[in-house]
Amino acid sequence: MMKEFNKEILRQRITLAREGKNLNQAQLAGKSGVTPAAISQIEKGTRTPTIPVLQRIASVLNVSIDYLLGKTDESELGALLHDQDIRTFFRGFQSLNSEDKETIEKMVDFFKSKKK
């Protein structure tokens, strides 16, 4: 049986994911291409985002749309972030400049292409 859309779950999960990434509403708005007022209204439950807006919000928060909608209780990165090595890597990655991040991304793409 399919779960009904629940605006309360959506607003709670966006708020919790945003706070978990240490972003304020204005920062989430800027990164997802919407206004701060829109994020505020979504988190209050007075506005429902369109699918494209929801996709951008989920991308910024590094979670799936299914997680935000309450279809799953596990965020995509949730399970990974329990691993200490992965948490250490991401903390180090965040502190790098954009050029170093780009180099690492190219290396990852290279190793992924080798597996194909």
N, C-alpha and C. Protein backbone atom coordinates (compact mmCIF):
# COMPACT_ATOMS: atom_id res chain seq x y z
N MET A 1 0.84 -1.19 0.00
CA MET A 1 0.00 0.00 0.00
C MET A 1 0.88 1.25 0.00
N MET A 2 0.56 2.19 -0.83
CA MET A 2 1.35 3.41 -0.97
C MET A 2 1.02 4.39 0.16
N LYS A 3 2.06 5.01 0.71
CA LYS A 3 1.86 6.01 1.76
C LYS A 3 1.30 7.30 1.17
N GLU A 4 0.38 7.91 1.88
CA GLU A 4 -0.17 9.20 1.47
C GLU A 4 0.88 10.29 1.67
N PHE A 5 0.79 11.35 0.87
CA PHE A 5 1.67 12.50 1.05
C PHE A 5 1.36 13.15 2.39
N ASN A 6 2.40 13.42 3.16
CA ASN A 6 2.24 14.02 4.47
C ASN A 6 3.12 15.27 4.54
N LYS A 7 2.48 16.41 4.47
CA LYS A 7 3.20 17.69 4.47
C LYS A 7 4.00 17.87 5.76
N GLU A 8 3.50 17.34 6.86
CA GLU A 8 4.19 17.46 8.16
C GLU A 8 5.53 16.74 8.13
N ILE A 9 5.54 15.54 7.56
CA ILE A 9 6.80 14.79 7.44
C ILE A 9 7.77 15.55 6.56
N LEU A 10 7.29 16.07 5.44
CA LEU A 10 8.14 16.82 4.52
C LEU A 10 8.77 18.01 5.22
N ARG A 11 7.97 18.80 5.91
CA ARG A 11 8.51 20.00 6.56
C ARG A 11 9.49 19.64 7.67
N GLN A 12 9.20 18.59 8.43
CA GLN A 12 10.11 18.17 9.50
C GLN A 12 11.44 17.67 8.94
N ARG A 13 11.37 16.87 7.90
CA ARG A 13 12.60 16.29 7.34
C ARG A 13 13.47 17.34 6.67
N ILE A 14 12.87 18.29 5.99
CA ILE A 14 13.68 19.36 5.39
C ILE A 14 14.35 20.16 6.50
N THR A 15 13.61 20.48 7.54
CA THR A 15 14.17 21.25 8.65
C THR A 15 15.31 20.48 9.32
N LEU A 16 15.08 19.21 9.63
CA LEU A 16 16.11 18.41 10.31
C LEU A 16 17.35 18.23 9.44
N ALA A 17 17.15 17.96 8.15
CA ALA A 17 18.30 17.78 7.25
C ALA A 17 19.07 19.08 7.10
N ARG A 18 18.35 20.19 7.01
CA ARG A 18 19.01 21.50 6.89
C ARG A 18 19.84 21.78 8.14
N GLU A 19 19.24 21.58 9.30
CA GLU A 19 19.95 21.82 10.55
C GLU A 19 21.13 20.86 10.70
N GLY A 20 20.97 19.63 10.24
CA GLY A 20 22.05 18.65 10.29
C GLY A 20 23.25 19.05 9.45
N LYS A 21 23.01 19.84 8.42
CA LYS A 21 24.10 20.34 7.57
C LYS A 21 24.57 21.72 8.03
N ASN A 22 24.06 22.17 9.16
CA ASN A 22 24.41 23.48 9.72
C ASN A 22 24.15 24.62 8.73
N LEU A 23 23.01 24.54 8.06
CA LEU A 23 22.59 25.59 7.15
C LEU A 23 21.41 26.34 7.75
N ASN A 24 21.37 27.64 7.54
CA ASN A 24 20.16 28.36 7.91
C ASN A 24 19.24 28.37 6.68
N GLN A 25 18.04 28.88 6.86
CA GLN A 25 17.08 28.87 5.75
C GLN A 25 17.59 29.66 4.55
N ALA A 26 18.21 30.79 4.80
CA ALA A 26 18.72 31.62 3.70
C ALA A 26 19.81 30.89 2.92
N GLN A 27 20.68 30.16 3.60
CA GLN A 27 21.73 29.42 2.92
C GLN A 27 21.15 28.30 2.06
N LEU A 28 20.19 27.57 2.62
CA LEU A 28 19.53 26.51 1.85
C LEU A 28 18.84 27.11 0.64
N ALA A 29 18.17 28.22 0.83
CA ALA A 29 17.48 28.89 -0.27
C ALA A 29 18.46 29.27 -1.37
N GLY A 30 19.56 29.89 -1.01
CA GLY A 30 20.56 30.30 -2.00
C GLY A 30 21.14 29.14 -2.78
N LYS A 31 21.43 28.05 -2.08
CA LYS A 31 22.03 26.89 -2.74
C LYS A 31 21.03 26.11 -3.59
N SER A 32 19.75 26.22 -3.25
CA SER A 32 18.74 25.46 -4.00
C SER A 32 17.98 26.32 -5.01
N GLY A 33 18.32 27.61 -5.08
CA GLY A 33 17.73 28.48 -6.09
C GLY A 33 16.30 28.90 -5.84
N VAL A 34 15.94 29.00 -4.56
CA VAL A 34 14.61 29.50 -4.20
C VAL A 34 14.78 30.66 -3.23
N THR A 35 13.70 31.32 -2.91
CA THR A 35 13.79 32.44 -1.99
C THR A 35 13.80 31.94 -0.55
N PRO A 36 14.39 32.72 0.36
CA PRO A 36 14.32 32.36 1.77
C PRO A 36 12.87 32.26 2.26
N ALA A 37 12.00 33.10 1.73
CA ALA A 37 10.58 33.04 2.12
C ALA A 37 9.97 31.70 1.73
N ALA A 38 10.36 31.17 0.57
CA ALA A 38 9.83 29.87 0.14
C ALA A 38 10.27 28.76 1.09
N ILE A 39 11.54 28.77 1.48
CA ILE A 39 12.03 27.75 2.43
C ILE A 39 11.29 27.89 3.75
N SER A 40 11.11 29.10 4.22
CA SER A 40 10.38 29.33 5.47
C SER A 40 8.96 28.77 5.38
N GLN A 41 8.28 29.05 4.28
CA GLN A 41 6.90 28.58 4.10
C GLN A 41 6.85 27.05 4.00
N ILE A 42 7.82 26.45 3.33
CA ILE A 42 7.87 24.99 3.22
C ILE A 42 8.07 24.38 4.60
N GLU A 43 9.00 24.96 5.38
CA GLU A 43 9.27 24.42 6.71
C GLU A 43 8.12 24.66 7.68
N LYS A 44 7.32 25.67 7.44
CA LYS A 44 6.12 25.92 8.27
C LYS A 44 4.95 25.04 7.84
N GLY A 45 5.04 24.47 6.65
CA GLY A 45 3.97 23.64 6.14
C GLY A 45 2.88 24.41 5.43
N THR A 46 3.14 25.67 5.12
CA THR A 46 2.14 26.48 4.43
C THR A 46 2.33 26.48 2.91
N ARG A 47 3.37 25.83 2.45
CA ARG A 47 3.67 25.77 1.02
C ARG A 47 4.23 24.39 0.70
N THR A 48 3.82 23.85 -0.42
CA THR A 48 4.35 22.57 -0.88
C THR A 48 5.25 22.84 -2.08
N PRO A 49 6.50 22.38 -2.03
CA PRO A 49 7.40 22.66 -3.15
C PRO A 49 7.04 21.86 -4.39
N THR A 50 7.35 22.41 -5.55
CA THR A 50 7.20 21.67 -6.79
C THR A 50 8.27 20.58 -6.83
N ILE A 51 8.10 19.63 -7.72
CA ILE A 51 9.08 18.55 -7.86
C ILE A 51 10.47 19.09 -8.18
N PRO A 52 10.63 20.02 -9.14
CA PRO A 52 11.98 20.55 -9.40
C PRO A 52 12.61 21.22 -8.17
N VAL A 53 11.81 21.96 -7.42
CA VAL A 53 12.33 22.61 -6.21
C VAL A 53 12.70 21.54 -5.18
N LEU A 54 11.86 20.54 -5.03
CA LEU A 54 12.14 19.46 -4.09
C LEU A 54 13.42 18.72 -4.47
N GLN A 55 13.63 18.52 -5.77
CA GLN A 55 14.86 17.87 -6.24
C GLN A 55 16.09 18.69 -5.86
N ARG A 56 16.00 19.99 -6.05
CA ARG A 56 17.15 20.85 -5.73
C ARG A 56 17.41 20.87 -4.22
N ILE A 57 16.36 20.95 -3.43
CA ILE A 57 16.52 20.93 -1.97
C ILE A 57 17.15 19.61 -1.53
N ALA A 58 16.64 18.49 -2.05
CA ALA A 58 17.19 17.18 -1.70
C ALA A 58 18.66 17.08 -2.09
N SER A 59 19.01 17.62 -3.25
CA SER A 59 20.40 17.59 -3.71
C SER A 59 21.30 18.38 -2.76
N VAL A 60 20.87 19.57 -2.39
CA VAL A 60 21.68 20.39 -1.47
C VAL A 60 21.84 19.69 -0.12
N LEU A 61 20.78 19.03 0.33
CA LEU A 61 20.80 18.38 1.64
C LEU A 61 21.40 16.97 1.60
N ASN A 62 21.74 16.50 0.39
CA ASN A 62 22.31 15.16 0.21
C ASN A 62 21.41 14.06 0.74
N VAL A 63 20.13 14.18 0.45
CA VAL A 63 19.16 13.15 0.81
C VAL A 63 18.31 12.86 -0.42
N SER A 64 17.57 11.77 -0.38
CA SER A 64 16.69 11.45 -1.49
C SER A 64 15.34 12.15 -1.32
N ILE A 65 14.64 12.30 -2.42
CA ILE A 65 13.29 12.84 -2.35
C ILE A 65 12.41 11.87 -1.56
N ASP A 66 12.62 10.58 -1.73
CA ASP A 66 11.84 9.60 -0.96
C ASP A 66 12.01 9.80 0.54
N TYR A 67 13.22 10.12 0.97
CA TYR A 67 13.45 10.39 2.39
C TYR A 67 12.65 11.63 2.81
N LEU A 68 12.73 12.71 2.04
CA LEU A 68 12.01 13.94 2.41
C LEU A 68 10.51 13.72 2.44
N LEU A 69 10.00 12.86 1.57
CA LEU A 69 8.56 12.61 1.51
C LEU A 69 8.09 11.56 2.52
N GLY A 70 9.04 10.94 3.21
CA GLY A 70 8.67 9.94 4.22
C GLY A 70 8.45 8.55 3.67
N LYS A 71 8.86 8.31 2.42
CA LYS A 71 8.70 6.98 1.83
C LYS A 71 9.76 6.01 2.34
N THR A 72 10.86 6.54 2.83
CA THR A 72 11.90 5.74 3.46
C THR A 72 12.39 6.52 4.68
N ASP A 73 12.87 5.77 5.66
CA ASP A 73 13.38 6.43 6.86
C ASP A 73 14.89 6.59 6.85
N GLU A 74 15.51 6.10 5.81
CA GLU A 74 16.97 6.17 5.72
C GLU A 74 17.37 7.16 4.64
N SER A 75 18.08 8.20 5.06
CA SER A 75 18.59 9.12 4.05
C SER A 75 19.70 8.39 3.30
N GLU A 76 19.96 8.80 2.08
CA GLU A 76 20.94 8.10 1.25
C GLU A 76 22.31 8.06 1.91
N LEU A 77 22.69 9.13 2.54
CA LEU A 77 24.01 9.16 3.17
C LEU A 77 23.98 8.75 4.62
N GLY A 78 22.79 8.59 5.16
CA GLY A 78 22.66 8.26 6.58
C GLY A 78 23.47 7.05 6.99
N ALA A 79 23.32 5.98 6.25
CA ALA A 79 24.05 4.75 6.58
C ALA A 79 25.55 4.94 6.42
N LEU A 80 25.96 5.65 5.38
CA LEU A 80 27.39 5.87 5.17
C LEU A 80 28.02 6.69 6.29
N LEU A 81 27.28 7.64 6.80
CA LEU A 81 27.86 8.55 7.79
C LEU A 81 28.05 7.91 9.16
N HIS A 82 27.61 6.67 9.30
CA HIS A 82 27.89 5.94 10.54
C HIS A 82 29.32 5.40 10.53
N ASP A 83 29.94 5.38 9.37
CA ASP A 83 31.31 4.87 9.22
C ASP A 83 32.30 5.99 9.54
N GLN A 84 33.14 5.77 10.53
CA GLN A 84 34.09 6.78 10.99
C GLN A 84 35.07 7.21 9.89
N ASP A 85 35.54 6.26 9.08
CA ASP A 85 36.47 6.60 8.00
C ASP A 85 35.82 7.55 6.99
N ILE A 86 34.56 7.30 6.68
CA ILE A 86 33.86 8.15 5.71
C ILE A 86 33.63 9.54 6.30
N ARG A 87 33.25 9.60 7.56
CA ARG A 87 33.06 10.92 8.21
C ARG A 87 34.36 11.70 8.21
N THR A 88 35.46 11.05 8.50
CA THR A 88 36.77 11.71 8.51
C THR A 88 37.12 12.23 7.12
N PHE A 89 36.87 11.40 6.09
CA PHE A 89 37.15 11.82 4.71
C PHE A 89 36.34 13.06 4.36
N PHE A 90 35.03 13.04 4.63
CA PHE A 90 34.19 14.18 4.26
C PHE A 90 34.56 15.45 5.00
N ARG A 91 34.95 15.32 6.25
CA ARG A 91 35.40 16.52 6.98
C ARG A 91 36.64 17.11 6.33
N GLY A 92 37.56 16.24 5.94
CA GLY A 92 38.76 16.71 5.27
C GLY A 92 38.46 17.30 3.90
N PHE A 93 37.56 16.67 3.18
CA PHE A 93 37.19 17.14 1.85
C PHE A 93 36.57 18.53 1.92
N GLN A 94 35.73 18.77 2.91
CA GLN A 94 35.07 20.08 3.06
C GLN A 94 36.07 21.20 3.25
N SER A 95 37.21 20.90 3.86
CA SER A 95 38.18 21.94 4.16
C SER A 95 39.10 22.27 2.98
N LEU A 96 38.99 21.51 1.90
CA LEU A 96 39.86 21.74 0.74
C LEU A 96 39.38 22.92 -0.10
N ASN A 97 40.31 23.49 -0.86
CA ASN A 97 39.90 24.55 -1.79
C ASN A 97 39.24 23.90 -3.02
N SER A 98 38.59 24.70 -3.84
CA SER A 98 37.81 24.16 -4.96
C SER A 98 38.68 23.42 -5.97
N GLU A 99 39.91 23.87 -6.18
CA GLU A 99 40.80 23.20 -7.12
C GLU A 99 41.14 21.79 -6.64
N ASP A 100 41.44 21.63 -5.35
CA ASP A 100 41.75 20.31 -4.80
C ASP A 100 40.53 19.40 -4.83
N LYS A 101 39.36 19.96 -4.54
CA LYS A 101 38.12 19.16 -4.61
C LYS A 101 37.90 18.65 -6.03
N GLU A 102 38.14 19.51 -7.01
CA GLU A 102 37.95 19.13 -8.41
C GLU A 102 38.91 18.01 -8.79
N THR A 103 40.15 18.08 -8.30
CA THR A 103 41.14 17.03 -8.58
C THR A 103 40.66 15.70 -8.02
N ILE A 104 40.15 15.71 -6.80
CA ILE A 104 39.66 14.47 -6.18
C ILE A 104 38.46 13.93 -6.95
N GLU A 105 37.55 14.81 -7.35
CA GLU A 105 36.39 14.38 -8.12
C GLU A 105 36.81 13.72 -9.44
N LYS A 106 37.82 14.27 -10.09
CA LYS A 106 38.32 13.68 -11.33
C LYS A 106 38.95 12.31 -11.07
N MET A 107 39.64 12.18 -9.94
CA MET A 107 40.23 10.89 -9.59
C MET A 107 39.14 9.85 -9.34
N VAL A 108 38.10 10.24 -8.65
CA VAL A 108 36.99 9.32 -8.39
C VAL A 108 36.35 8.90 -9.70
N ASP A 109 36.11 9.86 -10.59
CA ASP A 109 35.53 9.53 -11.90
C ASP A 109 36.42 8.55 -12.66
N PHE A 110 37.74 8.77 -12.59
CA PHE A 110 38.68 7.88 -13.25
C PHE A 110 38.56 6.46 -12.71
N PHE A 111 38.54 6.31 -11.38
CA PHE A 111 38.46 4.97 -10.78
C PHE A 111 37.10 4.32 -11.06
N LYS A 112 36.06 5.10 -11.11
CA LYS A 112 34.74 4.55 -11.45
C LYS A 112 34.73 4.06 -12.89
N SER A 113 35.37 4.79 -13.79
CA SER A 113 35.38 4.38 -15.20
C SER A 113 36.20 3.10 -15.40
N LYS A 114 37.22 2.89 -14.55
CA LYS A 114 38.03 1.67 -14.65
C LYS A 114 37.22 0.44 -14.29
N LYS A 115 36.23 0.60 -13.42
CA LYS A 115 35.42 -0.55 -12.99
C LYS A 115 34.43 -0.98 -14.05
N LYS A 116 34.10 -0.07 -14.99
CA LYS A 116 33.10 -0.38 -16.03
C LYS A 116 33.65 -1.22 -17.10
